[in-house]
């Protein structure tokens, strides 16, 4: 059977790097991005790739994506790199894209999962640095991102501070960490896997935009043991391994790819 892979956020940055890295690991690679022009350009340069213009918060679009996979063959590796950061949107949109979008994608693809499926959701180092430490009442809300009243309940649980995008972002990515663990448990019985990956400060257009607005990122890079930002290709290499057959017993964990930044600044 034909093995079908998916990379979201494939039009630029870390998603694009993953698309180029995974192209030779599957028979057909669906490249998902909101920007049809950029993702089509990437697809033209990747053998066996097919562009798929889609907003990951669009349920109907995700249903079409799942149908396309079913038409083509068996679901293999899925790298969900699409996401937004604090300077790009308000707190609600950050949760909608980064956490709810992750859950929607997983929900659409779950019926197609089998022994060759490996789901990888991009999270962030932000939850490690921000000291996110929720109580059970908060995690109960965070673990149900597809609830109709999710954002209202989250606002009630976390208070007005969550309306700051810089606060919302680590919470959303912490939710991705938790979601990946839960999805690993759900997918295990069919032989499929799920993990998350947490990049540090990576030199991408999005990363540079955040650095321009948040000078603290320069200090974080200065304190990074390797003394530099990461490259998108370095993160993509880790992602490609995590969804490969060689990593077949890697499941339900988060891998931090940050050049040692968290190791340098942690205080516990």
C-alpha atoms as a PDB file:
ATOM      1  CA  UNK A   1       0.000   0.000   0.000  1.00  0.00           C
ATOM      2  CA  UNK A   2       0.969   3.608  -0.510  1.00  0.00           C
ATOM      3  CA  UNK A   3       2.321   5.305   2.607  1.00  0.00           C
ATOM      4  CA  UNK A   4       0.975   8.829   3.054  1.00  0.00           C
ATOM      5  CA  UNK A   5       2.704  11.402   5.236  1.00  0.00           C
ATOM      6  CA  UNK A   6       1.538  14.860   6.338  1.00  0.00           C
ATOM      7  CA  UNK A   7       3.433  17.980   7.351  1.00  0.00           C
ATOM      8  CA  UNK A   8       1.473  21.022   8.498  1.00  0.00           C
ATOM      9  CA  UNK A   9       2.849  24.540   8.484  1.00  0.00           C
ATOM     10  CA  UNK A  10       4.871  23.355   5.502  1.00  0.00           C
ATOM     11  CA  UNK A  11       5.056  26.704   3.718  1.00  0.00           C
ATOM     12  CA  UNK A  12       8.001  28.084   5.668  1.00  0.00           C
ATOM     13  CA  UNK A  13      10.223  27.792   8.708  1.00  0.00           C
ATOM     14  CA  UNK A  14      10.352  24.557  10.655  1.00  0.00           C
ATOM     15  CA  UNK A  15       7.406  23.088   8.765  1.00  0.00           C
ATOM     16  CA  UNK A  16       9.149  23.635   5.446  1.00  0.00           C
ATOM     17  CA  UNK A  17      12.330  22.046   6.782  1.00  0.00           C
ATOM     18  CA  UNK A  18      10.316  19.018   7.906  1.00  0.00           C
ATOM     19  CA  UNK A  19       8.661  18.766   4.506  1.00  0.00           C
ATOM     20  CA  UNK A  20      12.043  18.632   2.777  1.00  0.00           C
ATOM     21  CA  UNK A  21      13.361  16.122   5.328  1.00  0.00           C
ATOM     22  CA  UNK A  22      10.387  13.740   5.150  1.00  0.00           C
ATOM     23  CA  UNK A  23       9.849  13.758   1.397  1.00  0.00           C
ATOM     24  CA  UNK A  24      11.935  10.624   0.848  1.00  0.00           C
ATOM     25  CA  UNK A  25      10.424   8.698   3.775  1.00  0.00           C
ATOM     26  CA  UNK A  26       6.935   8.246   2.285  1.00  0.00           C
ATOM     27  CA  UNK A  27       5.315   7.562  -1.062  1.00  0.00           C
ATOM     28  CA  UNK A  28       3.113  10.668  -0.964  1.00  0.00           C
ATOM     29  CA  UNK A  29       3.611  13.683   1.291  1.00  0.00           C
ATOM     30  CA  UNK A  30       0.712  16.075   1.815  1.00  0.00           C
ATOM     31  CA  UNK A  31       1.992  19.564   2.609  1.00  0.00           C
ATOM     32  CA  UNK A  32      -0.527  21.596   4.570  1.00  0.00           C
ATOM     33  CA  UNK A  33      -0.428  25.363   5.008  1.00  0.00           C
ATOM     34  CA  UNK A  34      -2.812  28.316   4.986  1.00  0.00           C
ATOM     35  CA  UNK A  35      -0.722  30.017   2.317  1.00  0.00           C
ATOM     36  CA  UNK A  36      -1.411  28.143  -0.911  1.00  0.00           C
ATOM     37  CA  UNK A  37       1.295  30.000  -2.838  1.00  0.00           C
ATOM     38  CA  UNK A  38       4.171  29.203  -0.495  1.00  0.00           C
ATOM     39  CA  UNK A  39       3.181  25.601   0.157  1.00  0.00           C
ATOM     40  CA  UNK A  40       2.757  24.958  -3.563  1.00  0.00           C
ATOM     41  CA  UNK A  41       6.272  26.273  -4.148  1.00  0.00           C
ATOM     42  CA  UNK A  42       7.683  23.925  -1.510  1.00  0.00           C
ATOM     43  CA  UNK A  43       5.726  20.990  -2.947  1.00  0.00           C
ATOM     44  CA  UNK A  44       7.225  21.595  -6.381  1.00  0.00           C
ATOM     45  CA  UNK A  45      10.688  21.040  -4.915  1.00  0.00           C
ATOM     46  CA  UNK A  46       9.832  17.869  -2.978  1.00  0.00           C
ATOM     47  CA  UNK A  47       9.429  14.618  -4.888  1.00  0.00           C
ATOM     48  CA  UNK A  48       6.050  12.993  -4.279  1.00  0.00           C
ATOM     49  CA  UNK A  49       4.661  16.025  -2.445  1.00  0.00           C
ATOM     50  CA  UNK A  50       1.184  17.425  -2.895  1.00  0.00           C
ATOM     51  CA  UNK A  51       0.105  20.861  -1.575  1.00  0.00           C
ATOM     52  CA  UNK A  52      -3.045  21.109   0.499  1.00  0.00           C
ATOM     53  CA  UNK A  53      -4.201  24.622   1.406  1.00  0.00           C
ATOM     54  CA  UNK A  54      -5.866  24.461   4.803  1.00  0.00           C
ATOM     55  CA  UNK A  55      -6.343  26.307   8.083  1.00  0.00           C
ATOM     56  CA  UNK A  56      -5.860  23.721  10.839  1.00  0.00           C
ATOM     57  CA  UNK A  57      -8.840  25.136  12.742  1.00  0.00           C
ATOM     58  CA  UNK A  58     -11.177  24.352   9.809  1.00  0.00           C
ATOM     59  CA  UNK A  59     -13.075  21.149  10.649  1.00  0.00           C
ATOM     60  CA  UNK A  60     -14.447  20.723   7.136  1.00  0.00           C
ATOM     61  CA  UNK A  61     -11.005  21.254   5.636  1.00  0.00           C
ATOM     62  CA  UNK A  62      -9.520  18.664   7.984  1.00  0.00           C
ATOM     63  CA  UNK A  63     -12.227  16.220   6.957  1.00  0.00           C
ATOM     64  CA  UNK A  64     -11.170  16.756   3.337  1.00  0.00           C
ATOM     65  CA  UNK A  65      -7.560  16.154   4.326  1.00  0.00           C
ATOM     66  CA  UNK A  66      -8.475  12.868   6.002  1.00  0.00           C
ATOM     67  CA  UNK A  67     -10.494  11.834   2.960  1.00  0.00           C
ATOM     68  CA  UNK A  68      -7.533  12.561   0.702  1.00  0.00           C
ATOM     69  CA  UNK A  69      -5.288  10.388   2.853  1.00  0.00           C
ATOM     70  CA  UNK A  70      -7.814   7.547   2.713  1.00  0.00           C
ATOM     71  CA  UNK A  71      -8.000   7.865  -1.078  1.00  0.00           C
ATOM     72  CA  UNK A  72      -4.218   7.696  -1.427  1.00  0.00           C
ATOM     73  CA  UNK A  73      -3.262   4.907   0.949  1.00  0.00           C
ATOM     74  CA  UNK A  74      -2.215   4.283   4.556  1.00  0.00           C
ATOM     75  CA  UNK A  75      -1.483   7.051   7.056  1.00  0.00           C
ATOM     76  CA  UNK A  76       2.185   7.123   8.010  1.00  0.00           C
ATOM     77  CA  UNK A  77       4.147   9.931   9.702  1.00  0.00           C
ATOM     78  CA  UNK A  78       2.383  13.161  10.593  1.00  0.00           C
ATOM     79  CA  UNK A  79       4.415  16.192  11.664  1.00  0.00           C
ATOM     80  CA  UNK A  80       2.148  18.955  12.917  1.00  0.00           C
ATOM     81  CA  UNK A  81       4.401  22.023  12.820  1.00  0.00           C
ATOM     82  CA  UNK A  82       1.698  24.634  12.178  1.00  0.00           C
ATOM     83  CA  UNK A  83       1.346  27.155  14.976  1.00  0.00           C
ATOM     84  CA  UNK A  84       1.470  30.794  15.986  1.00  0.00           C
ATOM     85  CA  UNK A  85       3.426  32.660  18.637  1.00  0.00           C
ATOM     86  CA  UNK A  86       2.673  35.575  20.991  1.00  0.00           C
ATOM     87  CA  UNK A  87       3.322  38.440  18.572  1.00  0.00           C
ATOM     88  CA  UNK A  88       1.038  36.976  15.924  1.00  0.00           C
ATOM     89  CA  UNK A  89      -2.426  36.966  17.524  1.00  0.00           C
ATOM     90  CA  UNK A  90      -4.525  37.491  20.621  1.00  0.00           C
ATOM     91  CA  UNK A  91      -4.869  34.894  23.345  1.00  0.00           C
ATOM     92  CA  UNK A  92      -7.968  33.236  21.930  1.00  0.00           C
ATOM     93  CA  UNK A  93      -6.447  32.721  18.495  1.00  0.00           C
ATOM     94  CA  UNK A  94      -3.266  31.322  20.047  1.00  0.00           C
ATOM     95  CA  UNK A  95      -5.276  28.635  21.813  1.00  0.00           C
ATOM     96  CA  UNK A  96      -7.423  28.032  18.742  1.00  0.00           C
ATOM     97  CA  UNK A  97      -4.451  27.376  16.481  1.00  0.00           C
ATOM     98  CA  UNK A  98      -1.863  25.869  18.806  1.00  0.00           C
ATOM     99  CA  UNK A  99      -3.997  23.614  20.994  1.00  0.00           C
ATOM    100  CA  UNK A 100      -7.496  23.325  19.549  1.00  0.00           C
ATOM    101  CA  UNK A 101      -6.054  22.968  16.048  1.00  0.00           C
ATOM    102  CA  UNK A 102      -3.823  20.144  17.281  1.00  0.00           C
ATOM    103  CA  UNK A 103      -6.813  18.337  18.764  1.00  0.00           C
ATOM    104  CA  UNK A 104      -8.903  18.884  15.628  1.00  0.00           C
ATOM    105  CA  UNK A 105      -6.185  17.450  13.391  1.00  0.00           C
ATOM    106  CA  UNK A 106      -5.785  14.438  15.657  1.00  0.00           C
ATOM    107  CA  UNK A 107      -9.547  13.915  15.778  1.00  0.00           C
ATOM    108  CA  UNK A 108      -9.795  13.950  11.987  1.00  0.00           C
ATOM    109  CA  UNK A 109      -6.896  11.539  11.450  1.00  0.00           C
ATOM    110  CA  UNK A 110      -7.440   9.138  14.357  1.00  0.00           C
ATOM    111  CA  UNK A 111      -9.775   6.794  12.408  1.00  0.00           C
ATOM    112  CA  UNK A 112      -7.003   6.317   9.829  1.00  0.00           C
ATOM    113  CA  UNK A 113      -4.262   5.468  12.319  1.00  0.00           C
ATOM    114  CA  UNK A 114      -2.587   2.089  12.174  1.00  0.00           C
ATOM    115  CA  UNK A 115       0.733   0.344  12.868  1.00  0.00           C
ATOM    116  CA  UNK A 116       2.649   2.671  10.532  1.00  0.00           C
ATOM    117  CA  UNK A 117       1.239   5.899  11.934  1.00  0.00           C
ATOM    118  CA  UNK A 118       3.370   8.238  14.045  1.00  0.00           C
ATOM    119  CA  UNK A 119       1.943  11.585  15.129  1.00  0.00           C
ATOM    120  CA  UNK A 120       4.293  14.377  16.170  1.00  0.00           C
ATOM    121  CA  UNK A 121       2.943  17.662  17.515  1.00  0.00           C
ATOM    122  CA  UNK A 122       5.187  20.709  17.754  1.00  0.00           C
ATOM    123  CA  UNK A 123       5.053  22.308  21.192  1.00  0.00           C
ATOM    124  CA  UNK A 124       7.661  24.691  22.646  1.00  0.00           C
ATOM    125  CA  UNK A 125      10.256  25.179  25.345  1.00  0.00           C
ATOM    126  CA  UNK A 126       8.032  27.993  26.680  1.00  0.00           C
ATOM    127  CA  UNK A 127       6.153  25.875  29.256  1.00  0.00           C
ATOM    128  CA  UNK A 128       9.468  24.772  30.786  1.00  0.00           C
ATOM    129  CA  UNK A 129      10.701  28.345  31.145  1.00  0.00           C
ATOM    130  CA  UNK A 130       7.445  29.914  32.296  1.00  0.00           C
ATOM    131  CA  UNK A 131       7.022  27.664  35.302  1.00  0.00           C
ATOM    132  CA  UNK A 132       3.567  26.442  34.294  1.00  0.00           C
ATOM    133  CA  UNK A 133       2.245  24.513  37.283  1.00  0.00           C
ATOM    134  CA  UNK A 134      -1.521  24.016  36.969  1.00  0.00           C
ATOM    135  CA  UNK A 135      -3.814  22.596  39.584  1.00  0.00           C
ATOM    136  CA  UNK A 136      -6.235  19.755  38.769  1.00  0.00           C
ATOM    137  CA  UNK A 137      -9.060  22.182  38.035  1.00  0.00           C
ATOM    138  CA  UNK A 138      -7.004  23.816  35.303  1.00  0.00           C
ATOM    139  CA  UNK A 139      -5.748  20.594  33.767  1.00  0.00           C
ATOM    140  CA  UNK A 140      -9.295  19.246  33.616  1.00  0.00           C
ATOM    141  CA  UNK A 141     -10.171  22.182  31.375  1.00  0.00           C
ATOM    142  CA  UNK A 142      -6.931  22.105  29.397  1.00  0.00           C
ATOM    143  CA  UNK A 143      -7.357  18.411  28.626  1.00  0.00           C
ATOM    144  CA  UNK A 144     -10.678  18.957  26.856  1.00  0.00           C
ATOM    145  CA  UNK A 145      -9.772  21.449  24.102  1.00  0.00           C
ATOM    146  CA  UNK A 146     -12.676  20.458  21.851  1.00  0.00           C
ATOM    147  CA  UNK A 147     -15.317  21.349  24.431  1.00  0.00           C
ATOM    148  CA  UNK A 148     -17.664  24.029  23.034  1.00  0.00           C
ATOM    149  CA  UNK A 149     -16.992  26.326  25.985  1.00  0.00           C
ATOM    150  CA  UNK A 150     -13.276  25.554  26.247  1.00  0.00           C
ATOM    151  CA  UNK A 151     -11.963  29.129  25.991  1.00  0.00           C
ATOM    152  CA  UNK A 152     -14.513  30.530  28.416  1.00  0.00           C
ATOM    153  CA  UNK A 153     -13.769  27.818  30.969  1.00  0.00           C
ATOM    154  CA  UNK A 154     -10.040  28.365  30.520  1.00  0.00           C
ATOM    155  CA  UNK A 155     -10.424  32.101  31.116  1.00  0.00           C
ATOM    156  CA  UNK A 156     -12.410  31.368  34.263  1.00  0.00           C
ATOM    157  CA  UNK A 157      -9.803  28.891  35.535  1.00  0.00           C
ATOM    158  CA  UNK A 158      -6.685  30.917  34.801  1.00  0.00           C
ATOM    159  CA  UNK A 159      -8.060  34.406  35.324  1.00  0.00           C
ATOM    160  CA  UNK A 160      -7.438  37.584  33.333  1.00  0.00           C
ATOM    161  CA  UNK A 161      -3.674  36.974  33.101  1.00  0.00           C
ATOM    162  CA  UNK A 162      -4.291  34.428  30.335  1.00  0.00           C
ATOM    163  CA  UNK A 163      -5.481  37.234  28.067  1.00  0.00           C
ATOM    164  CA  UNK A 164      -1.839  38.268  27.691  1.00  0.00           C
ATOM    165  CA  UNK A 165      -0.550  36.441  24.572  1.00  0.00           C
ATOM    166  CA  UNK A 166       2.789  35.913  26.293  1.00  0.00           C
ATOM    167  CA  UNK A 167       0.970  34.027  29.032  1.00  0.00           C
ATOM    168  CA  UNK A 168      -1.456  32.210  26.759  1.00  0.00           C
ATOM    169  CA  UNK A 169       1.297  30.782  24.571  1.00  0.00           C
ATOM    170  CA  UNK A 170       3.084  28.609  27.182  1.00  0.00           C
ATOM    171  CA  UNK A 171      -0.267  27.398  28.470  1.00  0.00           C
ATOM    172  CA  UNK A 172      -1.349  26.409  24.966  1.00  0.00           C
ATOM    173  CA  UNK A 173       1.916  24.576  24.376  1.00  0.00           C
ATOM    174  CA  UNK A 174       1.694  22.908  27.770  1.00  0.00           C
ATOM    175  CA  UNK A 175      -1.697  21.709  26.599  1.00  0.00           C
ATOM    176  CA  UNK A 176       0.013  20.206  23.548  1.00  0.00           C
ATOM    177  CA  UNK A 177       2.421  18.323  25.828  1.00  0.00           C
ATOM    178  CA  UNK A 178      -0.508  16.852  27.717  1.00  0.00           C
ATOM    179  CA  UNK A 179      -2.483  16.156  24.555  1.00  0.00           C
ATOM    180  CA  UNK A 180       0.391  14.170  23.016  1.00  0.00           C
ATOM    181  CA  UNK A 181       0.592  11.943  26.088  1.00  0.00           C
ATOM    182  CA  UNK A 182      -3.139  11.324  26.053  1.00  0.00           C
ATOM    183  CA  UNK A 183      -3.134  10.640  22.321  1.00  0.00           C
ATOM    184  CA  UNK A 184      -0.351   8.091  22.745  1.00  0.00           C
ATOM    185  CA  UNK A 185      -2.625   6.167  25.084  1.00  0.00           C
ATOM    186  CA  UNK A 186      -5.539   6.404  22.678  1.00  0.00           C
ATOM    187  CA  UNK A 187      -3.517   5.294  19.639  1.00  0.00           C
ATOM    188  CA  UNK A 188      -1.471   2.548  21.251  1.00  0.00           C
ATOM    189  CA  UNK A 189      -4.056  -0.226  20.826  1.00  0.00           C
ATOM    190  CA  UNK A 190      -3.894   0.115  17.010  1.00  0.00           C
ATOM    191  CA  UNK A 191      -0.097   0.194  16.998  1.00  0.00           C
ATOM    192  CA  UNK A 192       0.189   3.934  16.317  1.00  0.00           C
ATOM    193  CA  UNK A 193       2.312   6.423  18.255  1.00  0.00           C
ATOM    194  CA  UNK A 194       2.115  10.065  19.365  1.00  0.00           C
ATOM    195  CA  UNK A 195       4.784  12.385  20.768  1.00  0.00           C
ATOM    196  CA  UNK A 196       5.523  16.096  21.026  1.00  0.00           C
ATOM    197  CA  UNK A 197       8.630  18.088  20.186  1.00  0.00           C
ATOM    198  CA  UNK A 198       9.605  21.330  21.902  1.00  0.00           C
ATOM    199  CA  UNK A 199      11.930  23.622  19.911  1.00  0.00           C
ATOM    200  CA  UNK A 200      13.964  26.282  21.624  1.00  0.00           C
ATOM    201  CA  UNK A 201      15.002  29.542  19.951  1.00  0.00           C
ATOM    202  CA  UNK A 202      15.171  28.623  16.267  1.00  0.00           C
ATOM    203  CA  UNK A 203      16.293  30.892  13.443  1.00  0.00           C
ATOM    204  CA  UNK A 204      13.104  31.131  11.369  1.00  0.00           C
ATOM    205  CA  UNK A 205      11.038  34.119  10.193  1.00  0.00           C
ATOM    206  CA  UNK A 206       8.642  33.521  13.072  1.00  0.00           C
ATOM    207  CA  UNK A 207      11.474  33.169  15.564  1.00  0.00           C
ATOM    208  CA  UNK A 208      13.092  36.390  14.388  1.00  0.00           C
ATOM    209  CA  UNK A 209       9.771  38.209  14.731  1.00  0.00           C
ATOM    210  CA  UNK A 210       9.456  37.069  18.326  1.00  0.00           C
ATOM    211  CA  UNK A 211      13.071  38.009  19.088  1.00  0.00           C
ATOM    212  CA  UNK A 212      12.507  41.516  17.750  1.00  0.00           C
ATOM    213  CA  UNK A 213       9.612  42.010  20.170  1.00  0.00           C
ATOM    214  CA  UNK A 214      11.076  40.188  23.162  1.00  0.00           C
ATOM    215  CA  UNK A 215      14.701  41.135  23.997  1.00  0.00           C
ATOM    216  CA  UNK A 216      14.754  38.418  26.668  1.00  0.00           C
ATOM    217  CA  UNK A 217      15.217  35.912  23.859  1.00  0.00           C
ATOM    218  CA  UNK A 218      18.658  37.352  23.104  1.00  0.00           C
ATOM    219  CA  UNK A 219      19.638  36.778  26.729  1.00  0.00           C
ATOM    220  CA  UNK A 220      18.328  33.223  26.476  1.00  0.00           C
ATOM    221  CA  UNK A 221      20.496  32.622  23.423  1.00  0.00           C
ATOM    222  CA  UNK A 222      23.489  34.132  25.250  1.00  0.00           C
ATOM    223  CA  UNK A 223      22.999  31.666  28.096  1.00  0.00           C
ATOM    224  CA  UNK A 224      22.475  28.687  25.803  1.00  0.00           C
ATOM    225  CA  UNK A 225      25.452  26.339  26.251  1.00  0.00           C
ATOM    226  CA  UNK A 226      25.889  26.028  22.469  1.00  0.00           C
ATOM    227  CA  UNK A 227      25.902  29.829  22.223  1.00  0.00           C
ATOM    228  CA  UNK A 228      23.612  30.177  19.219  1.00  0.00           C
ATOM    229  CA  UNK A 229      20.098  29.800  17.895  1.00  0.00           C
ATOM    230  CA  UNK A 230      19.027  26.510  16.392  1.00  0.00           C
ATOM    231  CA  UNK A 231      18.460  25.858  12.714  1.00  0.00           C
ATOM    232  CA  UNK A 232      15.156  24.632  11.334  1.00  0.00           C
ATOM    233  CA  UNK A 233      16.975  21.744   9.648  1.00  0.00           C
ATOM    234  CA  UNK A 234      18.324  20.555  13.015  1.00  0.00           C
ATOM    235  CA  UNK A 235      14.835  20.388  14.467  1.00  0.00           C
ATOM    236  CA  UNK A 236      13.538  18.665  11.325  1.00  0.00           C
ATOM    237  CA  UNK A 237      16.181  15.957  11.666  1.00  0.00           C
ATOM    238  CA  UNK A 238      14.951  15.159  15.173  1.00  0.00           C
ATOM    239  CA  UNK A 239      11.336  15.227  13.995  1.00  0.00           C
ATOM    240  CA  UNK A 240      12.101  12.875  11.115  1.00  0.00           C
ATOM    241  CA  UNK A 241      13.697  10.377  13.489  1.00  0.00           C
ATOM    242  CA  UNK A 242      10.817  10.578  15.956  1.00  0.00           C
ATOM    243  CA  UNK A 243       8.271   9.573  13.298  1.00  0.00           C
ATOM    244  CA  UNK A 244      10.510   6.973  11.651  1.00  0.00           C
ATOM    245  CA  UNK A 245      10.319   3.215  12.046  1.00  0.00           C
ATOM    246  CA  UNK A 246      13.669   3.328  13.858  1.00  0.00           C
ATOM    247  CA  UNK A 247      11.924   5.154  16.707  1.00  0.00           C
ATOM    248  CA  UNK A 248       9.118   2.599  16.860  1.00  0.00           C
ATOM    249  CA  UNK A 249       9.125   2.357  20.685  1.00  0.00           C
ATOM    250  CA  UNK A 250       9.241   6.124  21.260  1.00  0.00           C
ATOM    251  CA  UNK A 251       5.773   7.071  22.446  1.00  0.00           C
ATOM    252  CA  UNK A 252       3.985   9.542  24.708  1.00  0.00           C
ATOM    253  CA  UNK A 253       7.017  11.748  25.412  1.00  0.00           C
ATOM    254  CA  UNK A 254       8.232  15.250  24.621  1.00  0.00           C
ATOM    255  CA  UNK A 255      11.679  15.876  23.163  1.00  0.00           C
ATOM    256  CA  UNK A 256      13.246  19.257  23.969  1.00  0.00           C
ATOM    257  CA  UNK A 257      15.473  20.600  21.164  1.00  0.00           C
ATOM    258  CA  UNK A 258      16.882  23.818  22.616  1.00  0.00           C
ATOM    259  CA  UNK A 259      20.670  23.641  22.533  1.00  0.00           C
ATOM    260  CA  UNK A 260      20.730  23.179  26.307  1.00  0.00           C
ATOM    261  CA  UNK A 261      19.004  26.470  27.132  1.00  0.00           C
ATOM    262  CA  UNK A 262      16.642  24.990  29.693  1.00  0.00           C
ATOM    263  CA  UNK A 263      19.471  23.051  31.327  1.00  0.00           C
ATOM    264  CA  UNK A 264      21.352  26.317  31.738  1.00  0.00           C
ATOM    265  CA  UNK A 265      18.556  28.356  33.283  1.00  0.00           C
ATOM    266  CA  UNK A 266      16.584  25.850  35.346  1.00  0.00           C
ATOM    267  CA  UNK A 267      16.789  26.388  39.084  1.00  0.00           C
ATOM    268  CA  UNK A 268      15.442  23.125  40.524  1.00  0.00           C
END
